Amino acid sequence: MGHAAMAATAVRYLRTAGGPAPAGPVDPLPRPDLRAVADDERAPVDPAEFRRVLGNFATGVTVITAPDPDPDLSGSPAGFACQSFAALSLDPPLVVFMVARTSRTWPRIARAGAFCVNVLGAHQGDLCRGFAVSGGDKFAGVGHTPSPVSGSPRLTGATAWADCTIHAVHPGGDHLIVVGRVDALGTCDDDGDGAPLLFHRGRFGGFTG
């Protein structure tokens, strides 16, 4: 099944937002329609405290990229920085990342029907910051090559990458849980021992053994 067909799975997030799912490509919904929970559904946990406490959990850092979903419009690839990424299943090979329901990049990835996970190295903090901002050409001056299956940008210098097809999309509060089936993957060196970029308590850092 091609990437465009797999993008049909991504329209599930539109249904969870309460609107009719279009028959064609996935388009962004107005931001108010993407509100995840009602006031009476909110738990009595202060958001700032939630962020502070869970910030003690160190994570790796990735950039999720996708090919230009509208090449006829002379656009550019899509991409955003993502710390909420994990391996999900070995058989079949699945990975998962989480994205805000209000993300402007996600609808473009959904239309592409595929994505590449770029695991960043310790030297790529500035690159990550560039992909963390909204708007502008995030790929300006960034070296990349097409991933072998989807053609999603594979960023130069990333320690590892996984080329994926969108497998399923599930609601998760104010985020979406995107499951991808891995079609190809690799590392930037034979040993796969590149030092990772880490994120902890709002700061980037490295790993010391």
N, C-alpha and C. Protein backbone atom coordinates (compact mmCIF):
# COMPACT_ATOMS: atom_id res chain seq x y z
N MET A 1 0.85 -1.18 0.00
CA MET A 1 0.00 0.00 0.00
C MET A 1 0.88 1.23 0.00
N GLY A 2 0.58 2.20 -0.87
CA GLY A 2 1.41 3.39 -1.00
C GLY A 2 1.24 4.35 0.16
N HIS A 3 2.15 5.35 0.18
CA HIS A 3 2.12 6.31 1.29
C HIS A 3 0.84 7.14 1.28
N ALA A 4 0.35 7.48 0.08
CA ALA A 4 -0.87 8.28 0.02
C ALA A 4 -2.05 7.51 0.60
N ALA A 5 -2.09 6.19 0.32
CA ALA A 5 -3.18 5.38 0.87
C ALA A 5 -3.05 5.27 2.38
N MET A 6 -1.81 5.13 2.86
CA MET A 6 -1.62 5.02 4.29
C MET A 6 -2.01 6.29 5.01
N ALA A 7 -1.99 7.41 4.31
CA ALA A 7 -2.37 8.67 4.95
C ALA A 7 -3.82 8.65 5.39
N ALA A 8 -4.61 7.74 4.79
CA ALA A 8 -6.02 7.66 5.19
C ALA A 8 -6.15 7.31 6.66
N THR A 9 -5.17 6.58 7.21
CA THR A 9 -5.25 6.25 8.63
C THR A 9 -5.13 7.50 9.49
N ALA A 10 -4.45 8.50 8.95
CA ALA A 10 -4.23 9.71 9.72
C ALA A 10 -5.51 10.53 9.91
N VAL A 11 -6.52 10.30 9.09
CA VAL A 11 -7.75 11.08 9.24
C VAL A 11 -8.50 10.69 10.50
N ARG A 12 -8.05 9.64 11.18
CA ARG A 12 -8.71 9.28 12.42
C ARG A 12 -8.66 10.42 13.42
N TYR A 13 -7.58 11.18 13.37
CA TYR A 13 -7.47 12.27 14.33
C TYR A 13 -8.50 13.36 14.05
N LEU A 14 -8.93 13.48 12.79
CA LEU A 14 -9.99 14.44 12.49
C LEU A 14 -11.32 13.97 13.07
N ARG A 15 -11.56 12.67 13.00
CA ARG A 15 -12.80 12.16 13.57
C ARG A 15 -12.83 12.37 15.08
N THR A 16 -11.67 12.17 15.74
CA THR A 16 -11.64 12.36 17.19
C THR A 16 -11.83 13.82 17.56
N ALA A 17 -11.57 14.71 16.62
CA ALA A 17 -11.76 16.13 16.89
C ALA A 17 -13.20 16.56 16.69
N GLY A 18 -14.05 15.62 16.26
CA GLY A 18 -15.46 15.91 16.17
C GLY A 18 -15.93 16.38 14.80
N GLY A 19 -15.07 16.42 13.82
CA GLY A 19 -15.46 16.87 12.49
C GLY A 19 -15.50 15.72 11.51
N PRO A 20 -16.17 15.88 10.38
CA PRO A 20 -16.22 14.82 9.38
C PRO A 20 -14.87 14.62 8.73
N ALA A 21 -14.51 13.39 8.46
CA ALA A 21 -13.23 13.09 7.83
C ALA A 21 -13.34 13.28 6.33
N PRO A 22 -12.46 14.05 5.72
CA PRO A 22 -12.54 14.27 4.28
C PRO A 22 -12.16 13.02 3.52
N ALA A 23 -12.68 12.92 2.29
CA ALA A 23 -12.36 11.76 1.46
C ALA A 23 -10.99 11.89 0.83
N GLY A 24 -10.52 13.13 0.67
CA GLY A 24 -9.24 13.36 0.04
C GLY A 24 -8.12 13.55 1.03
N PRO A 25 -7.13 14.40 0.69
CA PRO A 25 -5.98 14.62 1.59
C PRO A 25 -6.41 15.19 2.93
N VAL A 26 -5.59 14.94 3.94
CA VAL A 26 -5.85 15.46 5.28
C VAL A 26 -5.48 16.94 5.31
N ASP A 27 -6.42 17.78 5.74
CA ASP A 27 -6.18 19.21 5.84
C ASP A 27 -6.23 19.64 7.29
N PRO A 28 -5.52 20.73 7.63
CA PRO A 28 -5.57 21.21 9.01
C PRO A 28 -6.98 21.68 9.35
N LEU A 29 -7.39 21.43 10.58
CA LEU A 29 -8.65 21.97 11.08
C LEU A 29 -8.39 23.28 11.80
N PRO A 30 -9.41 24.14 11.93
CA PRO A 30 -9.21 25.35 12.75
C PRO A 30 -8.76 24.98 14.14
N ARG A 31 -7.89 25.77 14.71
CA ARG A 31 -7.30 25.44 16.01
C ARG A 31 -8.34 25.19 17.10
N PRO A 32 -9.48 25.96 17.17
CA PRO A 32 -10.46 25.66 18.23
C PRO A 32 -11.04 24.26 18.13
N ASP A 33 -11.15 23.72 16.91
CA ASP A 33 -11.70 22.38 16.75
C ASP A 33 -10.76 21.30 17.25
N LEU A 34 -9.51 21.67 17.51
CA LEU A 34 -8.52 20.68 17.95
C LEU A 34 -8.40 20.65 19.48
N ARG A 35 -9.27 21.39 20.20
CA ARG A 35 -9.22 21.35 21.65
C ARG A 35 -9.42 19.92 22.11
N ALA A 36 -8.55 19.43 22.97
CA ALA A 36 -8.52 18.01 23.28
C ALA A 36 -9.53 17.60 24.35
N VAL A 37 -9.68 18.38 25.41
CA VAL A 37 -10.51 17.96 26.53
C VAL A 37 -11.38 19.12 27.00
N ALA A 38 -12.53 18.77 27.57
CA ALA A 38 -13.41 19.77 28.14
C ALA A 38 -12.93 20.15 29.53
N ASP A 39 -13.41 21.29 30.04
CA ASP A 39 -12.97 21.76 31.35
C ASP A 39 -13.28 20.75 32.44
N ASP A 40 -14.42 20.05 32.33
CA ASP A 40 -14.78 19.11 33.38
C ASP A 40 -14.02 17.80 33.29
N GLU A 41 -13.16 17.66 32.27
CA GLU A 41 -12.34 16.46 32.12
C GLU A 41 -10.92 16.65 32.67
N ARG A 42 -10.59 17.85 33.05
CA ARG A 42 -9.22 18.13 33.45
C ARG A 42 -8.95 17.64 34.87
N ALA A 43 -7.79 17.03 35.03
CA ALA A 43 -7.39 16.55 36.35
C ALA A 43 -6.88 17.72 37.19
N PRO A 44 -6.98 17.64 38.51
CA PRO A 44 -6.53 18.74 39.38
C PRO A 44 -5.02 18.75 39.56
N VAL A 45 -4.30 18.86 38.45
CA VAL A 45 -2.84 18.93 38.48
C VAL A 45 -2.42 20.21 37.77
N ASP A 46 -1.62 21.01 38.45
CA ASP A 46 -1.16 22.26 37.86
C ASP A 46 -0.24 21.97 36.67
N PRO A 47 -0.52 22.52 35.48
CA PRO A 47 0.31 22.23 34.30
C PRO A 47 1.78 22.55 34.51
N ALA A 48 2.08 23.65 35.19
CA ALA A 48 3.48 24.01 35.41
C ALA A 48 4.18 22.98 36.29
N GLU A 49 3.47 22.49 37.32
CA GLU A 49 4.05 21.47 38.19
C GLU A 49 4.22 20.15 37.45
N PHE A 50 3.24 19.84 36.61
CA PHE A 50 3.32 18.62 35.79
C PHE A 50 4.58 18.66 34.92
N ARG A 51 4.79 19.81 34.26
CA ARG A 51 5.96 19.96 33.40
C ARG A 51 7.26 19.90 34.21
N ARG A 52 7.27 20.54 35.40
CA ARG A 52 8.49 20.58 36.21
C ARG A 52 8.88 19.20 36.68
N VAL A 53 7.91 18.44 37.19
CA VAL A 53 8.22 17.11 37.74
C VAL A 53 8.64 16.15 36.63
N LEU A 54 7.89 16.10 35.54
CA LEU A 54 8.23 15.16 34.47
C LEU A 54 9.46 15.59 33.69
N GLY A 55 9.88 16.86 33.88
CA GLY A 55 11.12 17.29 33.26
C GLY A 55 12.35 16.60 33.82
N ASN A 56 12.17 15.90 34.95
CA ASN A 56 13.28 15.13 35.52
C ASN A 56 13.56 13.84 34.75
N PHE A 57 12.67 13.49 33.85
CA PHE A 57 12.87 12.31 33.02
C PHE A 57 13.65 12.72 31.78
N ALA A 58 14.90 12.27 31.68
CA ALA A 58 15.74 12.62 30.53
C ALA A 58 15.30 11.83 29.30
N THR A 59 15.29 12.50 28.16
CA THR A 59 14.92 11.83 26.92
C THR A 59 15.97 12.10 25.85
N GLY A 60 15.93 11.28 24.83
CA GLY A 60 16.67 11.58 23.62
C GLY A 60 15.92 12.64 22.84
N VAL A 61 16.51 13.09 21.74
CA VAL A 61 15.91 14.15 20.94
C VAL A 61 15.88 13.70 19.48
N THR A 62 14.74 13.88 18.83
CA THR A 62 14.62 13.53 17.42
C THR A 62 14.06 14.71 16.64
N VAL A 63 14.22 14.63 15.34
CA VAL A 63 13.49 15.50 14.43
C VAL A 63 12.70 14.59 13.50
N ILE A 64 11.38 14.80 13.48
CA ILE A 64 10.50 14.04 12.61
C ILE A 64 10.36 14.81 11.31
N THR A 65 10.68 14.19 10.19
CA THR A 65 10.59 14.85 8.90
C THR A 65 9.66 14.09 7.97
N ALA A 66 9.18 14.77 6.95
CA ALA A 66 8.34 14.14 5.93
C ALA A 66 8.60 14.83 4.61
N PRO A 67 8.39 14.13 3.50
CA PRO A 67 8.57 14.77 2.20
C PRO A 67 7.49 15.82 1.98
N ASP A 68 7.74 16.73 1.06
CA ASP A 68 6.77 17.76 0.74
C ASP A 68 5.47 17.09 0.28
N PRO A 69 4.37 17.27 1.01
CA PRO A 69 3.12 16.62 0.61
C PRO A 69 2.46 17.30 -0.59
N ASP A 70 2.92 18.49 -0.97
CA ASP A 70 2.33 19.23 -2.08
C ASP A 70 3.42 19.69 -3.04
N PRO A 71 4.13 18.73 -3.69
CA PRO A 71 5.27 19.12 -4.53
C PRO A 71 4.88 20.03 -5.69
N ASP A 72 3.63 19.94 -6.16
CA ASP A 72 3.21 20.78 -7.28
C ASP A 72 3.12 22.24 -6.89
N LEU A 73 3.10 22.51 -5.57
CA LEU A 73 3.02 23.89 -5.10
C LEU A 73 4.40 24.46 -4.79
N SER A 74 5.45 23.71 -5.15
CA SER A 74 6.84 24.15 -4.93
C SER A 74 7.07 24.50 -3.47
N GLY A 75 6.61 23.64 -2.59
CA GLY A 75 6.78 23.85 -1.17
C GLY A 75 8.10 23.29 -0.67
N SER A 76 8.13 22.90 0.58
CA SER A 76 9.35 22.35 1.17
C SER A 76 8.97 21.17 2.05
N PRO A 77 9.96 20.38 2.46
CA PRO A 77 9.65 19.27 3.36
C PRO A 77 9.10 19.77 4.68
N ALA A 78 8.52 18.86 5.45
CA ALA A 78 7.99 19.19 6.77
C ALA A 78 8.90 18.60 7.83
N GLY A 79 8.95 19.25 9.00
CA GLY A 79 9.76 18.70 10.09
C GLY A 79 9.55 19.45 11.38
N PHE A 80 9.71 18.74 12.50
CA PHE A 80 9.63 19.38 13.81
C PHE A 80 10.44 18.59 14.81
N ALA A 81 10.93 19.27 15.84
CA ALA A 81 11.70 18.63 16.91
C ALA A 81 10.75 17.89 17.83
N CYS A 82 11.14 16.69 18.26
CA CYS A 82 10.25 15.84 19.05
C CYS A 82 11.06 15.05 20.08
N GLN A 83 10.73 15.26 21.37
CA GLN A 83 11.33 14.46 22.43
C GLN A 83 10.45 13.26 22.79
N SER A 84 9.17 13.32 22.41
CA SER A 84 8.22 12.24 22.76
C SER A 84 8.24 11.17 21.68
N PHE A 85 9.27 10.35 21.71
CA PHE A 85 9.45 9.29 20.72
C PHE A 85 9.90 8.02 21.43
N ALA A 86 9.46 6.87 20.93
CA ALA A 86 9.88 5.60 21.53
C ALA A 86 9.68 4.46 20.54
N ALA A 87 10.44 3.38 20.74
CA ALA A 87 10.17 2.13 20.04
C ALA A 87 8.92 1.52 20.66
N LEU A 88 8.09 0.90 19.85
CA LEU A 88 6.82 0.35 20.32
C LEU A 88 6.73 -1.15 20.19
N SER A 89 7.14 -1.70 19.06
CA SER A 89 6.97 -3.13 18.81
C SER A 89 8.11 -3.65 17.95
N LEU A 90 8.52 -4.88 18.24
CA LEU A 90 9.58 -5.52 17.45
C LEU A 90 9.00 -6.27 16.27
N ASP A 91 7.85 -6.91 16.47
CA ASP A 91 7.22 -7.71 15.42
C ASP A 91 5.71 -7.47 15.42
N PRO A 92 5.20 -6.61 14.53
CA PRO A 92 5.92 -5.91 13.47
C PRO A 92 6.74 -4.74 14.03
N PRO A 93 7.69 -4.24 13.25
CA PRO A 93 8.53 -3.14 13.75
C PRO A 93 7.75 -1.82 13.75
N LEU A 94 7.42 -1.34 14.94
CA LEU A 94 6.65 -0.11 15.08
C LEU A 94 7.36 0.87 16.01
N VAL A 95 7.22 2.14 15.70
CA VAL A 95 7.68 3.20 16.58
C VAL A 95 6.51 4.14 16.83
N VAL A 96 6.67 5.04 17.80
CA VAL A 96 5.59 5.95 18.13
C VAL A 96 6.17 7.32 18.48
N PHE A 97 5.47 8.38 18.06
CA PHE A 97 5.81 9.72 18.54
C PHE A 97 4.52 10.45 18.85
N MET A 98 4.63 11.47 19.69
CA MET A 98 3.48 12.27 20.07
C MET A 98 3.66 13.69 19.55
N VAL A 99 2.55 14.27 19.09
CA VAL A 99 2.58 15.61 18.53
C VAL A 99 1.35 16.37 19.03
N ALA A 100 1.51 17.65 19.31
CA ALA A 100 0.40 18.48 19.77
C ALA A 100 -0.69 18.54 18.72
N ARG A 101 -1.94 18.49 19.17
CA ARG A 101 -3.05 18.54 18.24
C ARG A 101 -3.12 19.88 17.50
N THR A 102 -2.50 20.90 18.07
CA THR A 102 -2.49 22.22 17.43
C THR A 102 -1.29 22.43 16.52
N SER A 103 -0.46 21.40 16.34
CA SER A 103 0.74 21.53 15.51
C SER A 103 0.36 21.90 14.08
N ARG A 104 1.10 22.84 13.51
CA ARG A 104 0.90 23.21 12.12
C ARG A 104 1.69 22.28 11.17
N THR A 105 2.65 21.57 11.71
CA THR A 105 3.46 20.66 10.89
C THR A 105 2.78 19.31 10.72
N TRP A 106 2.09 18.86 11.77
CA TRP A 106 1.49 17.53 11.71
C TRP A 106 0.57 17.31 10.51
N PRO A 107 -0.34 18.23 10.17
CA PRO A 107 -1.20 17.97 9.01
C PRO A 107 -0.42 17.72 7.72
N ARG A 108 0.74 18.34 7.58
CA ARG A 108 1.55 18.12 6.38
C ARG A 108 2.16 16.71 6.41
N ILE A 109 2.58 16.26 7.60
CA ILE A 109 3.10 14.90 7.71
C ILE A 109 1.98 13.90 7.44
N ALA A 110 0.77 14.20 7.94
CA ALA A 110 -0.37 13.31 7.72
C ALA A 110 -0.67 13.19 6.23
N ARG A 111 -0.61 14.29 5.50
CA ARG A 111 -0.89 14.24 4.07
C ARG A 111 0.17 13.44 3.33
N ALA A 112 1.42 13.52 3.80
CA ALA A 112 2.49 12.75 3.16
C ALA A 112 2.31 11.26 3.40
N GLY A 113 1.72 10.88 4.56
CA GLY A 113 1.49 9.47 4.86
C GLY A 113 2.73 8.72 5.31
N ALA A 114 3.83 9.43 5.51
CA ALA A 114 5.09 8.79 5.88
C ALA A 114 5.96 9.80 6.60
N PHE A 115 7.01 9.29 7.28
CA PHE A 115 7.92 10.18 7.99
C PHE A 115 9.23 9.48 8.25
N CYS A 116 10.25 10.28 8.59
CA CYS A 116 11.54 9.73 8.99
C CYS A 116 11.88 10.28 10.37
N VAL A 117 12.26 9.39 11.27
CA VAL A 117 12.73 9.78 12.60
C VAL A 117 14.24 9.96 12.52
N ASN A 118 14.71 11.17 12.84
CA ASN A 118 16.14 11.44 12.87
C ASN A 118 16.58 11.58 14.32
N VAL A 119 17.38 10.64 14.82
CA VAL A 119 17.87 10.68 16.19
C VAL A 119 19.10 11.58 16.21
N LEU A 120 19.01 12.69 16.96
CA LEU A 120 20.07 13.69 16.90
C LEU A 120 21.27 13.34 17.77
N GLY A 121 22.43 13.80 17.31
CA GLY A 121 23.66 13.60 18.05
C GLY A 121 23.92 14.76 19.00
N ALA A 122 24.90 14.57 19.89
CA ALA A 122 25.19 15.56 20.92
C ALA A 122 25.58 16.92 20.36
N HIS A 123 26.07 16.95 19.14
CA HIS A 123 26.53 18.19 18.52
C HIS A 123 25.41 18.95 17.80
N GLN A 124 24.17 18.45 17.86
CA GLN A 124 23.11 19.01 17.03
C GLN A 124 22.06 19.80 17.82
N GLY A 125 22.46 20.39 18.93
CA GLY A 125 21.54 21.18 19.73
C GLY A 125 20.98 22.38 18.96
N ASP A 126 21.83 23.07 18.22
CA ASP A 126 21.37 24.23 17.46
C ASP A 126 20.40 23.81 16.36
N LEU A 127 20.68 22.69 15.72
CA LEU A 127 19.77 22.19 14.69
C LEU A 127 18.41 21.88 15.29
N CYS A 128 18.40 21.28 16.48
CA CYS A 128 17.14 20.97 17.15
C CYS A 128 16.35 22.24 17.44
N ARG A 129 17.03 23.27 17.91
CA ARG A 129 16.34 24.54 18.21
C ARG A 129 15.71 25.12 16.96
N GLY A 130 16.37 24.95 15.82
CA GLY A 130 15.83 25.45 14.57
C GLY A 130 14.53 24.76 14.19
N PHE A 131 14.44 23.47 14.49
CA PHE A 131 13.23 22.71 14.16
C PHE A 131 12.17 22.84 15.24
N ALA A 132 12.51 23.45 16.36
CA ALA A 132 11.54 23.61 17.44
C ALA A 132 10.69 24.86 17.28
N VAL A 133 11.11 25.77 16.41
CA VAL A 133 10.35 27.01 16.22
C VAL A 133 9.27 26.80 15.17
N SER A 134 8.26 27.64 15.22
CA SER A 134 7.15 27.56 14.27
C SER A 134 7.36 28.56 13.15
N GLY A 135 7.09 28.10 11.93
CA GLY A 135 7.20 28.98 10.77
C GLY A 135 8.61 29.05 10.22
N GLY A 136 8.74 29.69 9.06
CA GLY A 136 10.04 29.82 8.41
C GLY A 136 10.46 28.54 7.70
N ASP A 137 11.56 28.62 7.00
CA ASP A 137 12.11 27.46 6.31
C ASP A 137 13.09 26.74 7.24
N LYS A 138 12.62 25.70 7.89
CA LYS A 138 13.45 25.00 8.87
C LYS A 138 14.61 24.26 8.21
N PHE A 139 14.50 24.00 6.92
CA PHE A 139 15.54 23.22 6.24
C PHE A 139 16.61 24.10 5.59
N ALA A 140 16.49 25.41 5.72
CA ALA A 140 17.49 26.30 5.13
C ALA A 140 18.86 26.03 5.72
N GLY A 141 19.80 25.69 4.88
CA GLY A 141 21.16 25.43 5.32
C GLY A 141 21.37 24.11 6.02
N VAL A 142 20.36 23.26 6.05
CA VAL A 142 20.46 21.96 6.73
C VAL A 142 20.69 20.87 5.69
N GLY A 143 21.79 20.15 5.82
CA GLY A 143 22.09 19.07 4.90
C GLY A 143 21.18 17.88 5.12
N HIS A 144 20.69 17.30 4.04
CA HIS A 144 19.84 16.10 4.16
C HIS A 144 19.80 15.36 2.83
N THR A 145 19.49 14.09 2.91
CA THR A 145 19.31 13.24 1.75
C THR A 145 18.00 12.50 1.88
N PRO A 146 17.42 12.01 0.78
CA PRO A 146 16.14 11.31 0.87
C PRO A 146 16.31 9.95 1.55
N SER A 147 15.39 9.62 2.45
CA SER A 147 15.39 8.28 3.02
C SER A 147 14.98 7.29 1.93
N PRO A 148 15.38 6.02 2.03
CA PRO A 148 15.28 5.11 0.90
C PRO A 148 13.87 4.71 0.46
N VAL A 149 12.90 4.75 1.37
CA VAL A 149 11.55 4.29 1.01
C VAL A 149 10.60 5.46 0.78
N SER A 150 10.47 6.33 1.77
CA SER A 150 9.50 7.41 1.66
C SER A 150 10.05 8.67 1.01
N GLY A 151 11.38 8.82 0.99
CA GLY A 151 11.98 10.04 0.50
C GLY A 151 11.97 11.17 1.50
N SER A 152 11.58 10.87 2.75
CA SER A 152 11.60 11.88 3.80
C SER A 152 13.04 12.32 4.05
N PRO A 153 13.26 13.59 4.42
CA PRO A 153 14.63 14.06 4.66
C PRO A 153 15.33 13.28 5.77
N ARG A 154 16.50 12.80 5.45
CA ARG A 154 17.38 12.13 6.42
C ARG A 154 18.50 13.13 6.72
N LEU A 155 18.50 13.68 7.94
CA LEU A 155 19.37 14.80 8.26
C LEU A 155 20.82 14.37 8.41
N THR A 156 21.70 15.14 7.80
CA THR A 156 23.13 14.87 7.88
C THR A 156 23.60 15.00 9.33
N GLY A 157 24.35 14.02 9.79
CA GLY A 157 24.91 14.05 11.14
C GLY A 157 24.06 13.39 12.20
N ALA A 158 22.82 13.00 11.86
CA ALA A 158 21.99 12.29 12.83
C ALA A 158 22.64 10.96 13.17
N THR A 159 22.50 10.53 14.42
CA THR A 159 23.15 9.29 14.82
C THR A 159 22.42 8.05 14.32
N ALA A 160 21.12 8.18 14.09
CA ALA A 160 20.33 7.05 13.60
C ALA A 160 19.08 7.60 12.92
N TRP A 161 18.44 6.77 12.12
CA TRP A 161 17.22 7.18 11.41
C TRP A 161 16.32 5.98 11.20
N ALA A 162 15.03 6.25 11.07
CA ALA A 162 14.05 5.20 10.77
C ALA A 162 13.03 5.77 9.80
N ASP A 163 12.91 5.13 8.65
CA ASP A 163 11.99 5.54 7.60
C ASP A 163 10.68 4.79 7.79
N CYS A 164 9.58 5.52 7.95
CA CYS A 164 8.33 4.88 8.41
C CYS A 164 7.12 5.28 7.56
N THR A 165 6.13 4.40 7.57
CA THR A 165 4.81 4.67 7.02
C THR A 165 3.85 4.86 8.19
N ILE A 166 2.95 5.84 8.09
CA ILE A 166 1.96 6.03 9.15
C ILE A 166 1.08 4.79 9.25
N HIS A 167 1.03 4.20 10.43
CA HIS A 167 0.31 2.96 10.67
C HIS A 167 -1.03 3.21 11.35
N ALA A 168 -1.06 4.13 12.32
CA ALA A 168 -2.28 4.45 13.05
C ALA A 168 -2.08 5.77 13.79
N VAL A 169 -3.19 6.43 14.10
CA VAL A 169 -3.17 7.67 14.87
C VAL A 169 -4.26 7.57 15.93
N HIS A 170 -3.89 7.86 17.19
CA HIS A 170 -4.83 7.75 18.30
C HIS A 170 -4.85 9.06 19.08
N PRO A 171 -6.00 9.43 19.67
CA PRO A 171 -6.06 10.61 20.51
C PRO A 171 -5.36 10.38 21.84
N GLY A 172 -4.71 11.41 22.36
CA GLY A 172 -4.05 11.32 23.66
C GLY A 172 -4.09 12.67 24.35
N GLY A 173 -5.26 13.05 24.86
CA GLY A 173 -5.38 14.35 25.50
C GLY A 173 -5.15 15.48 24.52
N ASP A 174 -4.24 16.39 24.85
CA ASP A 174 -3.98 17.50 23.94
C ASP A 174 -2.94 17.15 22.89
N HIS A 175 -2.57 15.87 22.81
CA HIS A 175 -1.64 15.39 21.80
C HIS A 175 -2.27 14.26 20.98
N LEU A 176 -1.60 13.91 19.90
CA LEU A 176 -1.94 12.75 19.10
C LEU A 176 -0.81 11.74 19.22
N ILE A 177 -1.17 10.47 19.24
CA ILE A 177 -0.20 9.37 19.33
C ILE A 177 -0.09 8.77 17.93
N VAL A 178 1.04 8.98 17.29
CA VAL A 178 1.24 8.55 15.91
C VAL A 178 2.12 7.30 15.90
N VAL A 179 1.57 6.23 15.35
CA VAL A 179 2.30 4.96 15.25
C VAL A 179 2.80 4.80 13.82
N GLY A 180 4.09 4.50 13.68
CA GLY A 180 4.67 4.30 12.36
C GLY A 180 5.25 2.91 12.21
N ARG A 181 5.05 2.34 11.04
CA ARG A 181 5.67 1.05 10.73
C ARG A 181 7.00 1.30 10.04
N VAL A 182 8.05 0.72 10.58
CA VAL A 182 9.41 0.98 10.08
C VAL A 182 9.65 0.18 8.80
N ASP A 183 9.99 0.90 7.73
CA ASP A 183 10.28 0.27 6.44
C ASP A 183 11.78 0.13 6.19
N ALA A 184 12.58 0.99 6.81
CA ALA A 184 14.04 0.94 6.67
C ALA A 184 14.61 1.75 7.82
N LEU A 185 15.85 1.42 8.20
CA LEU A 185 16.50 2.15 9.28
C LEU A 185 18.00 1.94 9.22
N GLY A 186 18.73 2.77 9.96
CA GLY A 186 20.17 2.64 9.97
C GLY A 186 20.81 3.65 10.90
N THR A 187 22.14 3.61 10.96
CA THR A 187 22.92 4.55 11.77
C THR A 187 23.88 5.28 10.85
N CYS A 188 24.50 6.33 11.40
CA CYS A 188 25.41 7.13 10.59
C CYS A 188 26.81 6.52 10.54
N ASP A 189 27.06 5.48 11.31
CA ASP A 189 28.36 4.83 11.29
C ASP A 189 28.16 3.34 11.49
N ASP A 190 29.20 2.57 11.25
CA ASP A 190 29.09 1.11 11.31
C ASP A 190 28.78 0.61 12.71
N ASP A 191 29.28 1.29 13.74
CA ASP A 191 29.10 0.81 15.10
C ASP A 191 27.83 1.35 15.75
N GLY A 192 27.26 2.42 15.20
CA GLY A 192 26.08 3.02 15.79
C GLY A 192 26.32 3.56 17.19
N ASP A 193 27.54 4.06 17.46
CA ASP A 193 27.89 4.49 18.81
C ASP A 193 28.02 6.01 18.93
N GLY A 194 27.38 6.74 18.02
CA GLY A 194 27.43 8.19 18.10
C GLY A 194 26.82 8.70 19.39
N ALA A 195 27.44 9.71 19.99
CA ALA A 195 26.94 10.26 21.26
C ALA A 195 25.59 10.94 21.02
N PRO A 196 24.60 10.67 21.88
CA PRO A 196 23.25 11.22 21.66
C PRO A 196 23.10 12.62 22.24
N LEU A 197 22.13 13.36 21.71
CA LEU A 197 21.69 14.61 22.30
C LEU A 197 20.59 14.27 23.30
N LEU A 198 20.70 14.80 24.52
CA LEU A 198 19.72 14.52 25.57
C LEU A 198 19.01 15.81 25.98
N PHE A 199 17.80 15.66 26.50
CA PHE A 199 17.01 16.78 26.98
C PHE A 199 16.58 16.49 28.41
N HIS A 200 16.92 17.41 29.33
CA HIS A 200 16.63 17.19 30.75
C HIS A 200 16.41 18.53 31.44
N ARG A 201 15.28 18.66 32.12
CA ARG A 201 14.94 19.90 32.84
C ARG A 201 15.06 21.14 31.96
N GLY A 202 14.58 21.02 30.74
CA GLY A 202 14.54 22.16 29.85
C GLY A 202 15.86 22.51 29.20
N ARG A 203 16.88 21.65 29.33
CA ARG A 203 18.19 21.94 28.79
C ARG A 203 18.69 20.77 27.97
N PHE A 204 19.52 21.07 26.94
CA PHE A 204 20.17 20.04 26.17
C PHE A 204 21.49 19.67 26.84
N GLY A 205 21.88 18.42 26.65
CA GLY A 205 23.15 17.97 27.21
C GLY A 205 23.61 16.71 26.50
N GLY A 206 24.69 16.14 27.01
CA GLY A 206 25.25 14.92 26.43
C GLY A 206 25.28 13.80 27.46
N PHE A 207 25.82 12.69 27.05
CA PHE A 207 25.89 11.51 27.90
C PHE A 207 27.33 11.28 28.32
N THR A 208 27.52 11.08 29.63
CA THR A 208 28.85 10.77 30.16
C THR A 208 28.81 9.39 30.79
N GLY A 209 29.61 8.45 30.27
CA GLY A 209 29.60 7.09 30.76
C GLY A 209 30.37 6.94 32.05
